[in-house]
C-alpha atoms as a PDB file:
ATOM      1  CA  MET A   1    -181.381 -45.525 -37.638  1.00  0.00           C
ATOM      2  CA  ASP A   2    -179.849 -46.745 -34.282  1.00  0.00           C
ATOM      3  CA  GLU A   3    -176.749 -47.986 -33.758  1.00  0.00           C
ATOM      4  CA  LYS A   4    -177.458 -51.849 -34.046  1.00  0.00           C
ATOM      5  CA  GLU A   5    -178.951 -51.116 -37.751  1.00  0.00           C
ATOM      6  CA  LYS A   6    -176.231 -49.496 -38.449  1.00  0.00           C
ATOM      7  CA  VAL A   7    -174.032 -52.128 -37.889  1.00  0.00           C
ATOM      8  CA  GLU A   8    -175.839 -54.663 -39.522  1.00  0.00           C
ATOM      9  CA  THR A   9    -176.021 -52.167 -42.631  1.00  0.00           C
ATOM     10  CA  GLU A  10    -172.146 -51.990 -42.516  1.00  0.00           C
ATOM     11  CA  ILE A  11    -172.016 -55.681 -42.040  1.00  0.00           C
ATOM     12  CA  LYS A  12    -174.255 -56.227 -45.269  1.00  0.00           C
ATOM     13  CA  SER A  13    -172.290 -53.775 -46.929  1.00  0.00           C
ATOM     14  CA  LYS A  14    -168.982 -55.133 -46.254  1.00  0.00           C
ATOM     15  CA  LYS A  15    -170.826 -58.705 -47.000  1.00  0.00           C
ATOM     16  CA  LYS A  16    -171.878 -57.359 -50.604  1.00  0.00           C
ATOM     17  CA  LYS A  17    -168.188 -55.739 -51.549  1.00  0.00           C
ATOM     18  CA  SER A  18    -166.770 -59.002 -50.326  1.00  0.00           C
ATOM     19  CA  HIS A  19    -168.938 -61.185 -52.278  1.00  0.00           C
ATOM     20  CA  ASN A  20    -168.708 -58.787 -55.175  1.00  0.00           C
ATOM     21  CA  LYS A  21    -164.844 -58.752 -54.579  1.00  0.00           C
ATOM     22  CA  TRP A  22    -165.406 -63.034 -55.075  1.00  0.00           C
ATOM     23  CA  GLN A  23    -167.420 -62.819 -57.695  1.00  0.00           C
ATOM     24  CA  GLU A  24    -164.928 -60.369 -59.729  1.00  0.00           C
ATOM     25  CA  GLN A  25    -161.969 -62.938 -58.943  1.00  0.00           C
ATOM     26  CA  ASN A  26    -163.876 -65.844 -59.354  1.00  0.00           C
ATOM     27  CA  GLU A  27    -164.795 -64.713 -62.758  1.00  0.00           C
ATOM     28  CA  LYS A  28    -161.509 -63.437 -63.788  1.00  0.00           C
ATOM     29  CA  LEU A  29    -160.215 -66.916 -62.611  1.00  0.00           C
ATOM     30  CA  ILE A  30    -162.608 -68.768 -65.234  1.00  0.00           C
ATOM     31  CA  LYS A  31    -161.714 -66.007 -67.865  1.00  0.00           C
ATOM     32  CA  GLN A  32    -157.908 -66.862 -67.181  1.00  0.00           C
ATOM     33  CA  ASN A  33    -159.041 -70.790 -67.108  1.00  0.00           C
ATOM     34  CA  THR A  34    -160.543 -70.590 -70.307  1.00  0.00           C
ATOM     35  CA  GLU A  35    -157.565 -68.742 -72.250  1.00  0.00           C
ATOM     36  CA  LEU A  36    -155.071 -71.215 -70.964  1.00  0.00           C
ATOM     37  CA  ASN A  37    -157.387 -74.394 -72.186  1.00  0.00           C
ATOM     38  CA  ASP A  38    -157.704 -72.362 -75.756  1.00  0.00           C
ATOM     39  CA  LYS A  39    -153.932 -71.737 -75.604  1.00  0.00           C
ATOM     40  CA  ILE A  40    -153.176 -75.611 -74.240  1.00  0.00           C
ATOM     41  CA  LEU A  41    -155.615 -76.815 -77.448  1.00  0.00           C
ATOM     42  CA  ARG A  42    -153.632 -74.653 -79.753  1.00  0.00           C
ATOM     43  CA  ILE A  43    -150.240 -75.848 -78.805  1.00  0.00           C
ATOM     44  CA  THR A  44    -151.507 -79.992 -78.414  1.00  0.00           C
ATOM     45  CA  ALA A  45    -152.866 -79.359 -82.203  1.00  0.00           C
ATOM     46  CA  GLU A  46    -149.873 -77.483 -83.401  1.00  0.00           C
ATOM     47  CA  MET A  47    -147.683 -80.343 -81.673  1.00  0.00           C
ATOM     48  CA  GLN A  48    -149.351 -82.923 -83.825  1.00  0.00           C
ATOM     49  CA  ASN A  49    -149.297 -80.916 -86.627  1.00  0.00           C
ATOM     50  CA  MET A  50    -145.639 -80.557 -86.271  1.00  0.00           C
ATOM     51  CA  LYS A  51    -145.225 -84.509 -85.363  1.00  0.00           C
ATOM     52  CA  ARG A  52    -147.278 -85.539 -88.244  1.00  0.00           C
ATOM     53  CA  HIS A  53    -145.239 -83.649 -90.662  1.00  0.00           C
ATOM     54  CA  PHE A  54    -141.918 -84.922 -89.382  1.00  0.00           C
ATOM     55  CA  GLU A  55    -143.371 -88.591 -89.644  1.00  0.00           C
ATOM     56  CA  GLU A  56    -144.366 -87.359 -93.281  1.00  0.00           C
ATOM     57  CA  ASP A  57    -140.890 -85.778 -93.830  1.00  0.00           C
ATOM     58  CA  LYS A  58    -139.517 -89.017 -91.949  1.00  0.00           C
ATOM     59  CA  MET A  59    -141.416 -91.172 -94.591  1.00  0.00           C
ATOM     60  CA  ARG A  60    -140.507 -89.443 -97.514  1.00  0.00           C
ATOM     61  CA  LEU A  61    -136.624 -89.369 -96.751  1.00  0.00           C
ATOM     62  CA  SER A  62    -136.864 -93.070 -95.744  1.00  0.00           C
ATOM     63  CA  LYS A  63    -138.761 -93.746 -99.438  1.00  0.00           C
ATOM     64  CA  TYR A  64    -136.356 -91.920-101.522  1.00  0.00           C
ATOM     65  CA  ASP A  65    -133.327 -93.134 -99.397  1.00  0.00           C
ATOM     66  CA  GLY A  66    -130.971 -94.138-102.604  1.00  0.00           C
ATOM     67  CA  GLU A  67    -131.810 -91.383-104.887  1.00  0.00           C
ATOM     68  CA  LYS A  68    -128.339 -90.101-104.514  1.00  0.00           C
ATOM     69  CA  LEU A  69    -126.377 -92.870-105.214  1.00  0.00           C
ATOM     70  CA  ILE A  70    -128.808 -93.918-108.284  1.00  0.00           C
ATOM     71  CA  LEU A  71    -128.399 -90.687-109.792  1.00  0.00           C
ATOM     72  CA  GLU A  72    -124.597 -91.422-109.438  1.00  0.00           C
ATOM     73  CA  ILE A  73    -125.256 -94.656-111.193  1.00  0.00           C
ATOM     74  CA  LEU A  74    -127.173 -93.847-114.147  1.00  0.00           C
ATOM     75  CA  PRO A  75    -124.131 -91.974-116.135  1.00  0.00           C
ATOM     76  CA  ILE A  76    -122.717 -95.313-115.450  1.00  0.00           C
ATOM     77  CA  VAL A  77    -125.572 -97.294-117.571  1.00  0.00           C
ATOM     78  CA  ASP A  78    -125.534 -94.638-119.758  1.00  0.00           C
ATOM     79  CA  ASN A  79    -121.789 -95.152-120.669  1.00  0.00           C
ATOM     80  CA  PHE A  80    -121.920 -99.030-120.680  1.00  0.00           C
ATOM     81  CA  GLU A  81    -125.153 -98.445-123.190  1.00  0.00           C
ATOM     82  CA  ARG A  82    -122.939 -96.297-125.344  1.00  0.00           C
ATOM     83  CA  ALA A  83    -120.005 -99.196-125.373  1.00  0.00           C
ATOM     84  CA  LEU A  84    -122.580-101.879-125.997  1.00  0.00           C
ATOM     85  CA  LEU A  85    -123.820-100.533-129.221  1.00  0.00           C
ATOM     86  CA  LEU A  86    -120.639-101.437-130.831  1.00  0.00           C
ATOM     87  CA  ASP A  87    -120.644-103.784-133.654  1.00  0.00           C
ATOM     88  CA  ASP A  88    -119.776-107.019-131.761  1.00  0.00           C
ATOM     89  CA  ALA A  89    -119.265-108.538-135.966  1.00  0.00           C
ATOM     90  CA  ASN A  90    -116.462-106.652-136.363  1.00  0.00           C
ATOM     91  CA  LEU A  91    -114.461-107.381-133.278  1.00  0.00           C
ATOM     92  CA  THR A  92    -111.278-109.211-132.495  1.00  0.00           C
ATOM     93  CA  ASP A  93    -112.037-112.252-130.350  1.00  0.00           C
ATOM     94  CA  GLU A  94    -110.301-110.155-127.149  1.00  0.00           C
ATOM     95  CA  LEU A  95    -112.508-107.265-127.730  1.00  0.00           C
ATOM     96  CA  SER A  96    -115.596-109.471-127.897  1.00  0.00           C
ATOM     97  CA  LYS A  97    -114.673-111.053-124.283  1.00  0.00           C
ATOM     98  CA  PHE A  98    -114.505-107.657-122.975  1.00  0.00           C
ATOM     99  CA  LEU A  99    -117.657-106.446-124.596  1.00  0.00           C
ATOM    100  CA  SER A 100    -119.444-109.612-123.202  1.00  0.00           C
ATOM    101  CA  GLY A 101    -118.139-108.988-119.946  1.00  0.00           C
ATOM    102  CA  PHE A 102    -119.626-105.304-120.482  1.00  0.00           C
ATOM    103  CA  LYS A 103    -122.768-107.220-121.417  1.00  0.00           C
ATOM    104  CA  MET A 104    -122.668-109.128-117.908  1.00  0.00           C
ATOM    105  CA  ILE A 105    -121.798-106.229-115.592  1.00  0.00           C
ATOM    106  CA  TYR A 106    -124.700-103.890-117.489  1.00  0.00           C
ATOM    107  CA  GLY A 107    -127.415-106.268-117.245  1.00  0.00           C
ATOM    108  CA  ASN A 108    -126.538-106.880-113.326  1.00  0.00           C
ATOM    109  CA  LEU A 109    -126.753-103.149-112.924  1.00  0.00           C
ATOM    110  CA  VAL A 110    -130.137-103.219-114.783  1.00  0.00           C
ATOM    111  CA  ASP A 111    -131.501-105.747-112.239  1.00  0.00           C
ATOM    112  CA  ILE A 112    -130.279-104.019-109.238  1.00  0.00           C
ATOM    113  CA  LEU A 113    -132.080-100.519-110.777  1.00  0.00           C
ATOM    114  CA  LYS A 114    -135.184-102.925-111.276  1.00  0.00           C
ATOM    115  CA  ARG A 115    -134.782-104.304-107.853  1.00  0.00           C
ATOM    116  CA  LEU A 116    -134.736-100.741-106.112  1.00  0.00           C
ATOM    117  CA  GLU A 117    -137.902 -99.629-108.560  1.00  0.00           C
ATOM    118  CA  VAL A 118    -136.107 -97.667-110.834  1.00  0.00           C
ATOM    119  CA  LYS A 119    -137.851 -97.708-114.254  1.00  0.00           C
ATOM    120  CA  GLU A 120    -136.992 -96.200-117.417  1.00  0.00           C
ATOM    121  CA  ILE A 121    -139.247 -93.097-119.067  1.00  0.00           C
ATOM    122  CA  PRO A 122    -140.931 -94.684-122.237  1.00  0.00           C
ATOM    123  CA  CYS A 123    -140.434 -92.008-124.630  1.00  0.00           C
ATOM    124  CA  LEU A 124    -139.585 -92.933-128.181  1.00  0.00           C
ATOM    125  CA  GLY A 125    -142.422 -92.517-129.870  1.00  0.00           C
ATOM    126  CA  ALA A 126    -144.419 -91.277-127.058  1.00  0.00           C
ATOM    127  CA  PRO A 127    -146.601 -87.678-126.931  1.00  0.00           C
ATOM    128  CA  PHE A 128    -144.367 -85.166-125.458  1.00  0.00           C
ATOM    129  CA  ASP A 129    -144.716 -84.926-121.228  1.00  0.00           C
ATOM    130  CA  SER A 130    -142.936 -82.070-119.651  1.00  0.00           C
ATOM    131  CA  ALA A 131    -143.511 -83.839-116.808  1.00  0.00           C
ATOM    132  CA  THR A 132    -140.823 -86.515-117.527  1.00  0.00           C
ATOM    133  CA  MET A 133    -139.039 -85.275-120.378  1.00  0.00           C
ATOM    134  CA  ASN A 134    -136.643 -82.411-121.382  1.00  0.00           C
ATOM    135  CA  ALA A 135    -137.392 -81.144-125.516  1.00  0.00           C
ATOM    136  CA  VAL A 136    -133.500 -80.412-126.552  1.00  0.00           C
ATOM    137  CA  LEU A 137    -134.401 -80.579-129.775  1.00  0.00           C
ATOM    138  CA  ILE A 138    -137.166 -79.694-132.158  1.00  0.00           C
ATOM    139  CA  ASP A 139    -137.501 -81.503-135.694  1.00  0.00           C
ATOM    140  CA  HIS A 140    -139.878 -81.509-138.860  1.00  0.00           C
ATOM    141  CA  VAL A 141    -140.681 -84.778-140.025  1.00  0.00           C
ATOM    142  CA  ASN A 142    -143.746 -85.246-142.134  1.00  0.00           C
ATOM    143  CA  ASP A 143    -144.678 -88.804-141.618  1.00  0.00           C
ATOM    144  CA  ALA A 144    -144.689 -88.009-137.514  1.00  0.00           C
ATOM    145  CA  ASP A 145    -147.486 -86.474-135.496  1.00  0.00           C
ATOM    146  CA  ASP A 146    -146.601 -83.337-133.865  1.00  0.00           C
ATOM    147  CA  ASN A 147    -145.567 -83.373-130.264  1.00  0.00           C
ATOM    148  CA  ILE A 148    -144.229 -87.109-130.956  1.00  0.00           C
ATOM    149  CA  VAL A 149    -140.898 -87.784-129.509  1.00  0.00           C
ATOM    150  CA  ILE A 150    -138.660 -89.128-132.535  1.00  0.00           C
ATOM    151  CA  ASP A 151    -135.598 -89.461-130.759  1.00  0.00           C
ATOM    152  CA  CYS A 152    -134.276 -89.880-127.131  1.00  0.00           C
ATOM    153  CA  MET A 153    -130.802 -88.352-126.567  1.00  0.00           C
ATOM    154  CA  GLN A 154    -130.926 -89.523-122.915  1.00  0.00           C
ATOM    155  CA  LYS A 155    -133.084 -91.666-121.117  1.00  0.00           C
ATOM    156  CA  GLY A 156    -135.037 -90.889-117.764  1.00  0.00           C
ATOM    157  CA  TYR A 157    -135.830 -92.700-115.003  1.00  0.00           C
ATOM    158  CA  THR A 158    -138.333 -92.542-112.078  1.00  0.00           C
ATOM    159  CA  TYR A 159    -137.297 -93.830-108.534  1.00  0.00           C
ATOM    160  CA  LYS A 160    -140.690 -95.492-107.087  1.00  0.00           C
ATOM    161  CA  ASP A 161    -142.896 -92.324-108.211  1.00  0.00           C
ATOM    162  CA  LYS A 162    -140.644 -89.937-108.561  1.00  0.00           C
ATOM    163  CA  VAL A 163    -138.791 -88.530-111.585  1.00  0.00           C
ATOM    164  CA  ILE A 164    -135.275 -88.199-110.727  1.00  0.00           C
ATOM    165  CA  ARG A 165    -134.360 -87.825-114.522  1.00  0.00           C
ATOM    166  CA  PRO A 166    -135.956 -86.508-116.972  1.00  0.00           C
ATOM    167  CA  ALA A 167    -135.708 -87.799-120.670  1.00  0.00           C
ATOM    168  CA  MET A 168    -133.936 -85.382-123.272  1.00  0.00           C
ATOM    169  CA  VAL A 169    -135.465 -85.864-125.993  1.00  0.00           C
ATOM    170  CA  LYS A 170    -136.344 -84.595-130.002  1.00  0.00           C
ATOM    171  CA  VAL A 171    -139.893 -83.671-130.756  1.00  0.00           C
ATOM    172  CA  ASN A 172    -141.277 -83.239-134.183  1.00  0.00           C
ATOM    173  CA  ASN A 173    -143.415 -80.196-135.086  1.00  0.00           C
ATOM    174  CA  ASN A 174    -144.513 -79.698-138.613  1.00  0.00           C
ATOM    175  CA  SER A 175    -146.201 -76.271-137.613  1.00  0.00           C
ATOM    176  CA  LYS A 176    -145.261 -73.384-139.951  1.00  0.00           C
ATOM    177  CA  GLU A 177    -144.119 -70.618-137.976  1.00  0.00           C
END
């Protein structure tokens, strides 16, 4: 091999090494680019999920915005209902006027609650439903079916589509245990 061939072989070898080096770097960069694209896609999907969860939480919070206030008003409604159970016929004229004022206030409260989509849970005579009722007493009444609510101790309420206070009820149970 003469000097010229040696130099040409050396140049080819250097070109080949240089080409291999560039090819390795190119493959490495392609791999890094693919990894970064995957990472960007995952982060983007995660951000979209976070945004969706945030929006859902925000909508749920605004949907049930007045729940805390309503829960504080319900005992007042209960007290008005107890006061309205008084027998109107046996009252003095003055107490009768107070009672009629109570009836007006009670009516206003009930109207406000209806406008806010607060609904009483119907329970008396209905089958017991553990999702909307708490059985606080069990009784044995022969002329009533099993698992039927025979008395309501405290009314239950829903706010929009959510139970905010379950009804406290007495349930019939005729089975012998």
